[in-house]
Amino acid sequence: MRQGKYFRIPENPTDIEELWGEGKLLTAASLPAWLGPEHASSYRYVGTYIAALAAAERDSWLVEQEALEAAGFVFDPDRHRLRCVHLYIPAPSEDVWSIGIYSGRSAFELCLPERCA
């Protein structure tokens, strides 16, 4: 995981799982307005941050924010406190991918390459 100036930036699925484990469970009382109760278990609260406004810092903030948003994180501006944003992490993906390579004389006569005669 890369430590940015403002956030820890996940760089692989293990980093996402680590941040997910550190996140706080959402309850009916802590549910953000954009998330329905039926999806509460799909996100966790990561923290509240003060957005950078100074031009020199704003660029760094935006680069890190974009990296987190690309990973699926949600930035939710606080309606009552200026510059405050709440950060939520989505559940880690459980997609498993696999590819197998077979060979054979036709699509009906396939075998693993090391077992083909």
PDB file of N, CA and C in Angstrom:
ATOM      1  N   MET A   1       0.858  -1.164   0.000  1.00  0.00           N
ATOM      2  CA  MET A   1       0.000   0.000   0.000  1.00  0.00           C
ATOM      3  C   MET A   1       0.908   1.231   0.000  1.00  0.00           C
ATOM      4  N   ARG A   2       0.523   2.196  -0.777  1.00  0.00           N
ATOM      5  CA  ARG A   2       1.317   3.426  -0.885  1.00  0.00           C
ATOM      6  C   ARG A   2       0.722   4.476   0.048  1.00  0.00           C
ATOM      7  N   GLN A   3       1.575   5.132   0.815  1.00  0.00           N
ATOM      8  CA  GLN A   3       1.135   6.197   1.702  1.00  0.00           C
ATOM      9  C   GLN A   3       1.195   7.519   0.957  1.00  0.00           C
ATOM     10  N   GLY A   4       0.032   8.091   0.676  1.00  0.00           N
ATOM     11  CA  GLY A   4      -0.025   9.401   0.049  1.00  0.00           C
ATOM     12  C   GLY A   4       0.080  10.481   1.101  1.00  0.00           C
ATOM     13  N   LYS A   5      -0.038  11.717   0.676  1.00  0.00           N
ATOM     14  CA  LYS A   5       0.010  12.827   1.622  1.00  0.00           C
ATOM     15  C   LYS A   5      -1.245  12.862   2.484  1.00  0.00           C
ATOM     16  N   TYR A   6      -2.378  12.429   1.907  1.00  0.00           N
ATOM     17  CA  TYR A   6      -3.663  12.501   2.604  1.00  0.00           C
ATOM     18  C   TYR A   6      -4.262  11.136   2.920  1.00  0.00           C
ATOM     19  N   PHE A   7      -4.043  10.161   2.056  1.00  0.00           N
ATOM     20  CA  PHE A   7      -4.683   8.856   2.181  1.00  0.00           C
ATOM     21  C   PHE A   7      -3.676   7.737   1.961  1.00  0.00           C
ATOM     22  N   ARG A   8      -4.037   6.564   2.443  1.00  0.00           N
ATOM     23  CA  ARG A   8      -3.309   5.357   2.067  1.00  0.00           C
ATOM     24  C   ARG A   8      -3.960   4.857   0.781  1.00  0.00           C
ATOM     25  N   ILE A   9      -3.144   4.640  -0.237  1.00  0.00           N
ATOM     26  CA  ILE A   9      -3.648   4.268  -1.559  1.00  0.00           C
ATOM     27  C   ILE A   9      -3.421   2.769  -1.767  1.00  0.00           C
ATOM     28  N   PRO A  10      -4.503   2.002  -1.927  1.00  0.00           N
ATOM     29  CA  PRO A  10      -4.325   0.566  -2.164  1.00  0.00           C
ATOM     30  C   PRO A  10      -3.750   0.320  -3.551  1.00  0.00           C
ATOM     31  N   GLU A  11      -2.861  -0.672  -3.633  1.00  0.00           N
ATOM     32  CA  GLU A  11      -2.220  -0.984  -4.911  1.00  0.00           C
ATOM     33  C   GLU A  11      -2.508  -2.401  -5.389  1.00  0.00           C
ATOM     34  N   ASN A  12      -3.215  -3.184  -4.585  1.00  0.00           N
ATOM     35  CA  ASN A  12      -3.549  -4.549  -4.983  1.00  0.00           C
ATOM     36  C   ASN A  12      -4.733  -5.035  -4.147  1.00  0.00           C
ATOM     37  N   PRO A  13      -5.304  -6.180  -4.483  1.00  0.00           N
ATOM     38  CA  PRO A  13      -6.473  -6.681  -3.750  1.00  0.00           C
ATOM     39  C   PRO A  13      -6.227  -6.884  -2.250  1.00  0.00           C
ATOM     40  N   THR A  14      -5.021  -7.247  -1.876  1.00  0.00           N
ATOM     41  CA  THR A  14      -4.717  -7.430  -0.460  1.00  0.00           C
ATOM     42  C   THR A  14      -4.833  -6.113   0.297  1.00  0.00           C
ATOM     43  N   ASP A  15      -4.402  -5.018  -0.327  1.00  0.00           N
ATOM     44  CA  ASP A  15      -4.526  -3.696   0.293  1.00  0.00           C
ATOM     45  C   ASP A  15      -5.995  -3.325   0.490  1.00  0.00           C
ATOM     46  N   ILE A  16      -6.827  -3.637  -0.503  1.00  0.00           N
ATOM     47  CA  ILE A  16      -8.268  -3.356  -0.395  1.00  0.00           C
ATOM     48  C   ILE A  16      -8.844  -4.145   0.783  1.00  0.00           C
ATOM     49  N   GLU A  17      -8.462  -5.414   0.893  1.00  0.00           N
ATOM     50  CA  GLU A  17      -8.968  -6.244   1.990  1.00  0.00           C
ATOM     51  C   GLU A  17      -8.523  -5.696   3.340  1.00  0.00           C
ATOM     52  N   GLU A  18      -7.297  -5.191   3.415  1.00  0.00           N
ATOM     53  CA  GLU A  18      -6.797  -4.612   4.665  1.00  0.00           C
ATOM     54  C   GLU A  18      -7.609  -3.372   5.050  1.00  0.00           C
ATOM     55  N   LEU A  19      -7.835  -2.481   4.097  1.00  0.00           N
ATOM     56  CA  LEU A  19      -8.623  -1.281   4.380  1.00  0.00           C
ATOM     57  C   LEU A  19     -10.067  -1.635   4.728  1.00  0.00           C
ATOM     58  N   TRP A  20     -10.610  -2.636   4.051  1.00  0.00           N
ATOM     59  CA  TRP A  20     -11.974  -3.099   4.347  1.00  0.00           C
ATOM     60  C   TRP A  20     -12.045  -3.590   5.801  1.00  0.00           C
ATOM     61  N   GLY A  21     -11.046  -4.353   6.208  1.00  0.00           N
ATOM     62  CA  GLY A  21     -11.017  -4.871   7.575  1.00  0.00           C
ATOM     63  C   GLY A  21     -10.913  -3.779   8.621  1.00  0.00           C
ATOM     64  N   GLU A  22     -10.275  -2.680   8.274  1.00  0.00           N
ATOM     65  CA  GLU A  22     -10.122  -1.556   9.199  1.00  0.00           C
ATOM     66  C   GLU A  22     -11.360  -0.653   9.212  1.00  0.00           C
ATOM     67  N   GLY A  23     -12.184  -0.732   8.165  1.00  0.00           N
ATOM     68  CA  GLY A  23     -13.361   0.128   8.064  1.00  0.00           C
ATOM     69  C   GLY A  23     -14.411  -0.210   9.109  1.00  0.00           C
ATOM     70  N   LYS A  24     -15.261   0.759   9.403  1.00  0.00           N
ATOM     71  CA  LYS A  24     -16.326   0.573  10.392  1.00  0.00           C
ATOM     72  C   LYS A  24     -17.608   0.127   9.694  1.00  0.00           C
ATOM     73  N   LEU A  25     -18.286  -0.834  10.314  1.00  0.00           N
ATOM     74  CA  LEU A  25     -19.567  -1.304   9.797  1.00  0.00           C
ATOM     75  C   LEU A  25     -20.574  -0.159   9.789  1.00  0.00           C
ATOM     76  N   LEU A  26     -21.437  -0.157   8.803  1.00  0.00           N
ATOM     77  CA  LEU A  26     -22.477   0.863   8.721  1.00  0.00           C
ATOM     78  C   LEU A  26     -23.737   0.361   9.424  1.00  0.00           C
ATOM     79  N   THR A  27     -24.342   1.237  10.185  1.00  0.00           N
ATOM     80  CA  THR A  27     -25.597   0.926  10.866  1.00  0.00           C
ATOM     81  C   THR A  27     -26.681   1.838  10.297  1.00  0.00           C
ATOM     82  N   ALA A  28     -27.911   1.622  10.712  1.00  0.00           N
ATOM     83  CA  ALA A  28     -29.003   2.482  10.256  1.00  0.00           C
ATOM     84  C   ALA A  28     -28.719   3.937  10.610  1.00  0.00           C
ATOM     85  N   ALA A  29     -28.089   4.178  11.744  1.00  0.00           N
ATOM     86  CA  ALA A  29     -27.789   5.546  12.186  1.00  0.00           C
ATOM     87  C   ALA A  29     -26.619   6.165  11.421  1.00  0.00           C
ATOM     88  N   SER A  30     -25.706   5.339  10.920  1.00  0.00           N
ATOM     89  CA  SER A  30     -24.522   5.883  10.245  1.00  0.00           C
ATOM     90  C   SER A  30     -24.577   5.744   8.727  1.00  0.00           C
ATOM     91  N   LEU A  31     -25.706   5.339   8.210  1.00  0.00           N
ATOM     92  CA  LEU A  31     -25.856   5.112   6.766  1.00  0.00           C
ATOM     93  C   LEU A  31     -25.862   6.438   6.005  1.00  0.00           C
ATOM     94  N   PRO A  32     -25.014   6.589   4.981  1.00  0.00           N
ATOM     95  CA  PRO A  32     -25.043   7.824   4.192  1.00  0.00           C
ATOM     96  C   PRO A  32     -26.324   7.891   3.357  1.00  0.00           C
ATOM     97  N   ALA A  33     -26.716   9.087   2.967  1.00  0.00           N
ATOM     98  CA  ALA A  33     -27.974   9.293   2.241  1.00  0.00           C
ATOM     99  C   ALA A  33     -27.994   8.566   0.891  1.00  0.00           C
ATOM    100  N   TRP A  34     -26.843   8.366   0.271  1.00  0.00           N
ATOM    101  CA  TRP A  34     -26.782   7.754  -1.059  1.00  0.00           C
ATOM    102  C   TRP A  34     -26.854   6.229  -1.018  1.00  0.00           C
ATOM    103  N   LEU A  35     -26.855   5.644   0.182  1.00  0.00           N
ATOM    104  CA  LEU A  35     -26.822   4.190   0.300  1.00  0.00           C
ATOM    105  C   LEU A  35     -28.051   3.672   1.029  1.00  0.00           C
ATOM    106  N   GLY A  36     -28.780   2.782   0.367  1.00  0.00           N
ATOM    107  CA  GLY A  36     -29.966   2.195   0.979  1.00  0.00           C
ATOM    108  C   GLY A  36     -29.595   1.127   1.998  1.00  0.00           C
ATOM    109  N   PRO A  37     -30.483   0.858   2.961  1.00  0.00           N
ATOM    110  CA  PRO A  37     -30.198  -0.126   4.010  1.00  0.00           C
ATOM    111  C   PRO A  37     -29.897  -1.520   3.461  1.00  0.00           C
ATOM    112  N   GLU A  38     -30.479  -1.863   2.321  1.00  0.00           N
ATOM    113  CA  GLU A  38     -30.246  -3.191   1.749  1.00  0.00           C
ATOM    114  C   GLU A  38     -28.814  -3.366   1.243  1.00  0.00           C
ATOM    115  N   HIS A  39     -28.074  -2.256   1.084  1.00  0.00           N
ATOM    116  CA  HIS A  39     -26.697  -2.315   0.596  1.00  0.00           C
ATOM    117  C   HIS A  39     -25.680  -1.927   1.671  1.00  0.00           C
ATOM    118  N   ALA A  40     -26.129  -1.789   2.909  1.00  0.00           N
ATOM    119  CA  ALA A  40     -25.244  -1.339   3.993  1.00  0.00           C
ATOM    120  C   ALA A  40     -24.058  -2.274   4.196  1.00  0.00           C
ATOM    121  N   SER A  41     -24.243  -3.547   3.965  1.00  0.00           N
ATOM    122  CA  SER A  41     -23.141  -4.495   4.182  1.00  0.00           C
ATOM    123  C   SER A  41     -22.119  -4.459   3.039  1.00  0.00           C
ATOM    124  N   SER A  42     -22.403  -3.701   1.987  1.00  0.00           N
ATOM    125  CA  SER A  42     -21.508  -3.624   0.833  1.00  0.00           C
ATOM    126  C   SER A  42     -20.471  -2.511   0.941  1.00  0.00           C
ATOM    127  N   TYR A  43     -20.575  -1.688   1.978  1.00  0.00           N
ATOM    128  CA  TYR A  43     -19.636  -0.579   2.179  1.00  0.00           C
ATOM    129  C   TYR A  43     -19.266  -0.481   3.650  1.00  0.00           C
ATOM    130  N   ARG A  44     -18.111   0.106   3.891  1.00  0.00           N
ATOM    131  CA  ARG A  44     -17.683   0.425   5.247  1.00  0.00           C
ATOM    132  C   ARG A  44     -17.140   1.841   5.273  1.00  0.00           C
ATOM    133  N   TYR A  45     -17.265   2.465   6.427  1.00  0.00           N
ATOM    134  CA  TYR A  45     -16.796   3.824   6.641  1.00  0.00           C
ATOM    135  C   TYR A  45     -15.302   3.793   6.943  1.00  0.00           C
ATOM    136  N   VAL A  46     -14.530   4.600   6.225  1.00  0.00           N
ATOM    137  CA  VAL A  46     -13.081   4.633   6.401  1.00  0.00           C
ATOM    138  C   VAL A  46     -12.646   5.815   7.258  1.00  0.00           C
ATOM    139  N   GLY A  47     -13.313   6.961   7.122  1.00  0.00           N
ATOM    140  CA  GLY A  47     -12.942   8.115   7.930  1.00  0.00           C
ATOM    141  C   GLY A  47     -13.457   9.413   7.352  1.00  0.00           C
ATOM    142  N   THR A  48     -13.239  10.492   8.114  1.00  0.00           N
ATOM    143  CA  THR A  48     -13.607  11.836   7.689  1.00  0.00           C
ATOM    144  C   THR A  48     -12.322  12.622   7.486  1.00  0.00           C
ATOM    145  N   TYR A  49     -12.277  13.369   6.397  1.00  0.00           N
ATOM    146  CA  TYR A  49     -11.078  14.112   6.035  1.00  0.00           C
ATOM    147  C   TYR A  49     -11.434  15.549   5.705  1.00  0.00           C
ATOM    148  N   ILE A  50     -10.461  16.429   5.861  1.00  0.00           N
ATOM    149  CA  ILE A  50     -10.612  17.832   5.493  1.00  0.00           C
ATOM    150  C   ILE A  50      -9.996  18.017   4.114  1.00  0.00           C
ATOM    151  N   ALA A  51     -10.807  18.409   3.156  1.00  0.00           N
ATOM    152  CA  ALA A  51     -10.332  18.587   1.781  1.00  0.00           C
ATOM    153  C   ALA A  51      -9.374  19.769   1.699  1.00  0.00           C
ATOM    154  N   ALA A  52      -8.325  19.596   0.938  1.00  0.00           N
ATOM    155  CA  ALA A  52      -7.341  20.658   0.745  1.00  0.00           C
ATOM    156  C   ALA A  52      -7.907  21.726  -0.180  1.00  0.00           C
ATOM    157  N   LEU A  53      -7.761  22.979   0.201  1.00  0.00           N
ATOM    158  CA  LEU A  53      -8.248  24.087  -0.624  1.00  0.00           C
ATOM    159  C   LEU A  53      -7.122  24.906  -1.245  1.00  0.00           C
ATOM    160  N   ALA A  54      -5.984  24.952  -0.601  1.00  0.00           N
ATOM    161  CA  ALA A  54      -4.872  25.731  -1.140  1.00  0.00           C
ATOM    162  C   ALA A  54      -4.431  25.112  -2.464  1.00  0.00           C
ATOM    163  N   ALA A  55      -4.163  25.957  -3.437  1.00  0.00           N
ATOM    164  CA  ALA A  55      -3.824  25.483  -4.784  1.00  0.00           C
ATOM    165  C   ALA A  55      -2.655  24.504  -4.766  1.00  0.00           C
ATOM    166  N   ALA A  56      -1.656  24.773  -3.951  1.00  0.00           N
ATOM    167  CA  ALA A  56      -0.468  23.912  -3.911  1.00  0.00           C
ATOM    168  C   ALA A  56      -0.811  22.513  -3.407  1.00  0.00           C
ATOM    169  N   GLU A  57      -1.777  22.403  -2.525  1.00  0.00           N
ATOM    170  CA  GLU A  57      -2.155  21.107  -1.962  1.00  0.00           C
ATOM    171  C   GLU A  57      -3.304  20.456  -2.715  1.00  0.00           C
ATOM    172  N   ARG A  58      -4.124  21.257  -3.339  1.00  0.00           N
ATOM    173  CA  ARG A  58      -5.329  20.742  -4.003  1.00  0.00           C
ATOM    174  C   ARG A  58      -4.987  19.717  -5.086  1.00  0.00           C
ATOM    175  N   ASP A  59      -3.916  19.955  -5.832  1.00  0.00           N
ATOM    176  CA  ASP A  59      -3.532  19.010  -6.883  1.00  0.00           C
ATOM    177  C   ASP A  59      -3.187  17.638  -6.307  1.00  0.00           C
ATOM    178  N   SER A  60      -2.425  17.615  -5.211  1.00  0.00           N
ATOM    179  CA  SER A  60      -2.083  16.346  -4.564  1.00  0.00           C
ATOM    180  C   SER A  60      -3.331  15.645  -4.060  1.00  0.00           C
ATOM    181  N   TRP A  61      -4.219  16.422  -3.446  1.00  0.00           N
ATOM    182  CA  TRP A  61      -5.482  15.870  -2.928  1.00  0.00           C
ATOM    183  C   TRP A  61      -6.274  15.230  -4.060  1.00  0.00           C
ATOM    184  N   LEU A  62      -6.403  15.941  -5.173  1.00  0.00           N
ATOM    185  CA  LEU A  62      -7.211  15.431  -6.285  1.00  0.00           C
ATOM    186  C   LEU A  62      -6.607  14.182  -6.913  1.00  0.00           C
ATOM    187  N   VAL A  63      -5.287  14.122  -7.010  1.00  0.00           N
ATOM    188  CA  VAL A  63      -4.632  12.927  -7.557  1.00  0.00           C
ATOM    189  C   VAL A  63      -4.933  11.718  -6.669  1.00  0.00           C
ATOM    190  N   GLU A  64      -4.814  11.893  -5.357  1.00  0.00           N
ATOM    191  CA  GLU A  64      -5.087  10.792  -4.441  1.00  0.00           C
ATOM    192  C   GLU A  64      -6.573  10.427  -4.443  1.00  0.00           C
ATOM    193  N   GLN A  65      -7.429  11.442  -4.510  1.00  0.00           N
ATOM    194  CA  GLN A  65      -8.869  11.183  -4.560  1.00  0.00           C
ATOM    195  C   GLN A  65      -9.214  10.375  -5.812  1.00  0.00           C
ATOM    196  N   GLU A  66      -8.653  10.744  -6.943  1.00  0.00           N
ATOM    197  CA  GLU A  66      -8.922  10.018  -8.194  1.00  0.00           C
ATOM    198  C   GLU A  66      -8.456   8.565  -8.107  1.00  0.00           C
ATOM    199  N   ALA A  67      -7.308   8.337  -7.456  1.00  0.00           N
ATOM    200  CA  ALA A  67      -6.808   6.966  -7.309  1.00  0.00           C
ATOM    201  C   ALA A  67      -7.767   6.131  -6.471  1.00  0.00           C
ATOM    202  N   LEU A  68      -8.298   6.714  -5.411  1.00  0.00           N
ATOM    203  CA  LEU A  68      -9.245   5.984  -4.561  1.00  0.00           C
ATOM    204  C   LEU A  68     -10.580   5.775  -5.272  1.00  0.00           C
ATOM    205  N   GLU A  69     -11.043   6.777  -5.982  1.00  0.00           N
ATOM    206  CA  GLU A  69     -12.304   6.628  -6.717  1.00  0.00           C
ATOM    207  C   GLU A  69     -12.170   5.561  -7.801  1.00  0.00           C
ATOM    208  N   ALA A  70     -10.997   5.459  -8.419  1.00  0.00           N
ATOM    209  CA  ALA A  70     -10.775   4.422  -9.431  1.00  0.00           C
ATOM    210  C   ALA A  70     -10.862   3.031  -8.808  1.00  0.00           C
ATOM    211  N   ALA A  71     -10.550   2.930  -7.519  1.00  0.00           N
ATOM    212  CA  ALA A  71     -10.641   1.652  -6.803  1.00  0.00           C
ATOM    213  C   ALA A  71     -12.045   1.421  -6.248  1.00  0.00           C
ATOM    214  N   GLY A  72     -12.969   2.356  -6.507  1.00  0.00           N
ATOM    215  CA  GLY A  72     -14.351   2.186  -6.073  1.00  0.00           C
ATOM    216  C   GLY A  72     -14.729   2.916  -4.796  1.00  0.00           C
ATOM    217  N   PHE A  73     -13.780   3.594  -4.167  1.00  0.00           N
ATOM    218  CA  PHE A  73     -14.085   4.336  -2.944  1.00  0.00           C
ATOM    219  C   PHE A  73     -15.062   5.463  -3.254  1.00  0.00           C
ATOM    220  N   VAL A  74     -15.851   5.834  -2.256  1.00  0.00           N
ATOM    221  CA  VAL A  74     -16.841   6.900  -2.425  1.00  0.00           C
ATOM    222  C   VAL A  74     -16.497   8.043  -1.469  1.00  0.00           C
ATOM    223  N   PHE A  75     -16.365   9.235  -2.027  1.00  0.00           N
ATOM    224  CA  PHE A  75     -16.170  10.456  -1.243  1.00  0.00           C
ATOM    225  C   PHE A  75     -17.535  11.123  -1.095  1.00  0.00           C
ATOM    226  N   ASP A  76     -17.961  11.336   0.129  1.00  0.00           N
ATOM    227  CA  ASP A  76     -19.276  11.909   0.409  1.00  0.00           C
ATOM    228  C   ASP A  76     -19.100  13.221   1.175  1.00  0.00           C
ATOM    229  N   PRO A  77     -19.332  14.373   0.513  1.00  0.00           N
ATOM    230  CA  PRO A  77     -19.182  15.657   1.209  1.00  0.00           C
ATOM    231  C   PRO A  77     -20.156  15.772   2.385  1.00  0.00           C
ATOM    232  N   ASP A  78     -19.672  16.289   3.495  1.00  0.00           N
ATOM    233  CA  ASP A  78     -20.513  16.508   4.670  1.00  0.00           C
ATOM    234  C   ASP A  78     -21.418  17.700   4.406  1.00  0.00           C
ATOM    235  N   ARG A  79     -22.677  17.548   4.638  1.00  0.00           N
ATOM    236  CA  ARG A  79     -23.648  18.626   4.361  1.00  0.00           C
ATOM    237  C   ARG A  79     -23.587  19.754   5.382  1.00  0.00           C
ATOM    238  N   HIS A  80     -23.004  19.486   6.532  1.00  0.00           N
ATOM    239  CA  HIS A  80     -23.027  20.475   7.607  1.00  0.00           C
ATOM    240  C   HIS A  80     -21.671  21.118   7.878  1.00  0.00           C
ATOM    241  N   ARG A  81     -20.608  20.482   7.438  1.00  0.00           N
ATOM    242  CA  ARG A  81     -19.265  21.012   7.690  1.00  0.00           C
ATOM    243  C   ARG A  81     -18.549  21.221   6.361  1.00  0.00           C
ATOM    244  N   LEU A  82     -18.196  22.451   6.066  1.00  0.00           N
ATOM    245  CA  LEU A  82     -17.474  22.762   4.834  1.00  0.00           C
ATOM    246  C   LEU A  82     -16.137  22.036   4.795  1.00  0.00           C
ATOM    247  N   ARG A  83     -15.758  21.607   3.613  1.00  0.00           N
ATOM    248  CA  ARG A  83     -14.490  20.946   3.338  1.00  0.00           C
ATOM    249  C   ARG A  83     -14.383  19.545   3.919  1.00  0.00           C
ATOM    250  N   CYS A  84     -15.320  19.090   4.738  1.00  0.00           N
ATOM    251  CA  CYS A  84     -15.254  17.738   5.297  1.00  0.00           C
ATOM    252  C   CYS A  84     -15.856  16.744   4.308  1.00  0.00           C
ATOM    253  N   VAL A  85     -15.161  15.650   4.111  1.00  0.00           N
ATOM    254  CA  VAL A  85     -15.688  14.568   3.282  1.00  0.00           C
ATOM    255  C   VAL A  85     -15.558  13.263   4.059  1.00  0.00           C
ATOM    256  N   HIS A  86     -16.531  12.395   3.871  1.00  0.00           N
ATOM    257  CA  HIS A  86     -16.517  11.079   4.482  1.00  0.00           C
ATOM    258  C   HIS A  86     -16.119  10.087   3.392  1.00  0.00           C
ATOM    259  N   LEU A  87     -15.292   9.145   3.752  1.00  0.00           N
ATOM    260  CA  LEU A  87     -14.778   8.179   2.789  1.00  0.00           C
ATOM    261  C   LEU A  87     -15.323   6.791   3.119  1.00  0.00           C
ATOM    262  N   TYR A  88     -15.831   6.118   2.075  1.00  0.00           N
ATOM    263  CA  TYR A  88     -16.388   4.770   2.205  1.00  0.00           C
ATOM    264  C   TYR A  88     -15.679   3.839   1.235  1.00  0.00           C
ATOM    265  N   ILE A  89     -15.482   2.609   1.671  1.00  0.00           N
ATOM    266  CA  ILE A  89     -14.838   1.599   0.837  1.00  0.00           C
ATOM    267  C   ILE A  89     -15.865   0.528   0.475  1.00  0.00           C
ATOM    268  N   PRO A  90     -15.869   0.113  -0.793  1.00  0.00           N
ATOM    269  CA  PRO A  90     -16.771  -0.982  -1.172  1.00  0.00           C
ATOM    270  C   PRO A  90     -16.176  -2.325  -0.741  1.00  0.00           C
ATOM    271  N   ALA A  91     -17.033  -3.306  -0.615  1.00  0.00           N
ATOM    272  CA  ALA A  91     -16.570  -4.653  -0.265  1.00  0.00           C
ATOM    273  C   ALA A  91     -15.577  -5.141  -1.314  1.00  0.00           C
ATOM    274  N   PRO A  92     -14.548  -5.856  -0.877  1.00  0.00           N
ATOM    275  CA  PRO A  92     -13.586  -6.402  -1.847  1.00  0.00           C
ATOM    276  C   PRO A  92     -14.289  -7.317  -2.836  1.00  0.00           C
ATOM    277  N   SER A  93     -13.818  -7.292  -4.042  1.00  0.00           N
ATOM    278  CA  SER A  93     -14.383  -8.132  -5.095  1.00  0.00           C
ATOM    279  C   SER A  93     -14.100  -9.592  -4.796  1.00  0.00           C
ATOM    280  N   GLU A  94     -15.075 -10.413  -5.045  1.00  0.00           N
ATOM    281  CA  GLU A  94     -14.892 -11.857  -4.849  1.00  0.00           C
ATOM    282  C   GLU A  94     -14.786 -12.576  -6.186  1.00  0.00           C
ATOM    283  N   ASP A  95     -14.592 -11.816  -7.248  1.00  0.00           N
ATOM    284  CA  ASP A  95     -14.457 -12.431  -8.570  1.00  0.00           C
ATOM    285  C   ASP A  95     -13.199 -13.286  -8.622  1.00  0.00           C
ATOM    286  N   VAL A  96     -13.345 -14.462  -9.127  1.00  0.00           N
ATOM    287  CA  VAL A  96     -12.217 -15.359  -9.322  1.00  0.00           C
ATOM    288  C   VAL A  96     -12.160 -15.686 -10.802  1.00  0.00           C
ATOM    289  N   TRP A  97     -10.995 -15.503 -11.372  1.00  0.00           N
ATOM    290  CA  TRP A  97     -10.825 -15.759 -12.798  1.00  0.00           C
ATOM    291  C   TRP A  97      -9.843 -16.900 -12.985  1.00  0.00           C
ATOM    292  N   SER A  98     -10.085 -17.654 -13.987  1.00  0.00           N
ATOM    293  CA  SER A  98      -9.198 -18.757 -14.316  1.00  0.00           C
ATOM    294  C   SER A  98      -9.243 -18.971 -15.819  1.00  0.00           C
ATOM    295  N   ILE A  99      -8.143 -19.435 -16.344  1.00  0.00           N
ATOM    296  CA  ILE A  99      -8.109 -19.750 -17.766  1.00  0.00           C
ATOM    297  C   ILE A  99      -7.411 -21.099 -17.912  1.00  0.00           C
ATOM    298  N   GLY A 100      -7.945 -21.896 -18.754  1.00  0.00           N
ATOM    299  CA  GLY A 100      -7.340 -23.192 -19.030  1.00  0.00           C
ATOM    300  C   GLY A 100      -6.977 -23.262 -20.493  1.00  0.00           C
ATOM    301  N   ILE A 101      -5.886 -23.924 -20.789  1.00  0.00           N
ATOM    302  CA  ILE A 101      -5.457 -24.055 -22.182  1.00  0.00           C
ATOM    303  C   ILE A 101      -5.467 -25.535 -22.532  1.00  0.00           C
ATOM    304  N   TYR A 102      -6.225 -25.841 -23.531  1.00  0.00           N
ATOM    305  CA  TYR A 102      -6.340 -27.213 -23.999  1.00  0.00           C
ATOM    306  C   TYR A 102      -5.887 -27.275 -25.445  1.00  0.00           C
ATOM    307  N   SER A 103      -5.541 -28.457 -25.861  1.00  0.00           N
ATOM    308  CA  SER A 103      -5.215 -28.648 -27.267  1.00  0.00           C
ATOM    309  C   SER A 103      -5.877 -29.938 -27.728  1.00  0.00           C
ATOM    310  N   GLY A 104      -5.924 -30.127 -29.000  1.00  0.00           N
ATOM    311  CA  GLY A 104      -6.537 -31.329 -29.558  1.00  0.00           C
ATOM    312  C   GLY A 104      -6.741 -31.173 -31.053  1.00  0.00           C
ATOM    313  N   ARG A 105      -7.163 -32.256 -31.675  1.00  0.00           N
ATOM    314  CA  ARG A 105      -7.383 -32.237 -33.118  1.00  0.00           C
ATOM    315  C   ARG A 105      -8.645 -31.479 -33.493  1.00  0.00           C
ATOM    316  N   SER A 106      -9.603 -31.378 -32.556  1.00  0.00           N
ATOM    317  CA  SER A 106     -10.836 -30.625 -32.822  1.00  0.00           C
ATOM    318  C   SER A 106     -11.414 -30.179 -31.483  1.00  0.00           C
ATOM    319  N   ALA A 107     -12.472 -29.378 -31.538  1.00  0.00           N
ATOM    320  CA  ALA A 107     -13.124 -28.913 -30.311  1.00  0.00           C
ATOM    321  C   ALA A 107     -13.756 -30.066 -29.532  1.00  0.00           C
ATOM    322  N   PHE A 108     -13.916 -31.213 -30.164  1.00  0.00           N
ATOM    323  CA  PHE A 108     -14.532 -32.373 -29.522  1.00  0.00           C
ATOM    324  C   PHE A 108     -13.492 -33.345 -28.974  1.00  0.00           C
ATOM    325  N   GLU A 109     -12.232 -33.109 -29.251  1.00  0.00           N
ATOM    326  CA  GLU A 109     -11.144 -33.986 -28.805  1.00  0.00           C
ATOM    327  C   GLU A 109     -10.064 -33.146 -28.127  1.00  0.00           C
ATOM    328  N   LEU A 110     -10.396 -32.587 -26.952  1.00  0.00           N
ATOM    329  CA  LEU A 110      -9.478 -31.718 -26.239  1.00  0.00           C
ATOM    330  C   LEU A 110      -8.816 -32.443 -25.088  1.00  0.00           C
ATOM    331  N   CYS A 111      -7.602 -32.027 -24.768  1.00  0.00           N
ATOM    332  CA  CYS A 111      -6.900 -32.537 -23.595  1.00  0.00           C
ATOM    333  C   CYS A 111      -5.889 -31.479 -23.158  1.00  0.00           C
ATOM    334  N   LEU A 112      -5.414 -31.614 -21.919  1.00  0.00           N
ATOM    335  CA  LEU A 112      -4.375 -30.709 -21.437  1.00  0.00           C
ATOM    336  C   LEU A 112      -3.108 -30.967 -22.254  1.00  0.00           C
ATOM    337  N   PRO A 113      -2.347 -29.921 -22.573  1.00  0.00           N
ATOM    338  CA  PRO A 113      -1.170 -30.100 -23.427  1.00  0.00           C
ATOM    339  C   PRO A 113      -0.203 -31.166 -22.910  1.00  0.00           C
ATOM    340  N   GLU A 114       0.007 -31.241 -21.584  1.00  0.00           N
ATOM    341  CA  GLU A 114       0.962 -32.216 -21.064  1.00  0.00           C
ATOM    342  C   GLU A 114       0.433 -33.650 -21.083  1.00  0.00           C
ATOM    343  N   ARG A 115      -0.886 -33.820 -21.359  1.00  0.00           N
ATOM    344  CA  ARG A 115      -1.466 -35.153 -21.396  1.00  0.00           C
ATOM    345  C   ARG A 115      -1.845 -35.606 -22.807  1.00  0.00           C
ATOM    346  N   CYS A 116      -1.642 -34.764 -23.782  1.00  0.00           N
ATOM    347  CA  CYS A 116      -1.973 -35.135 -25.155  1.00  0.00           C
ATOM    348  C   CYS A 116      -0.905 -36.086 -25.709  1.00  0.00           C
ATOM    349  N   ALA A 117      -1.371 -37.077 -26.421  1.00  0.00           N
ATOM    350  CA  ALA A 117      -0.424 -38.053 -26.993  1.00  0.00           C
ATOM    351  C   ALA A 117      -0.089 -37.690 -28.411  1.00  0.00           C
TER     352      ALA A 117
END
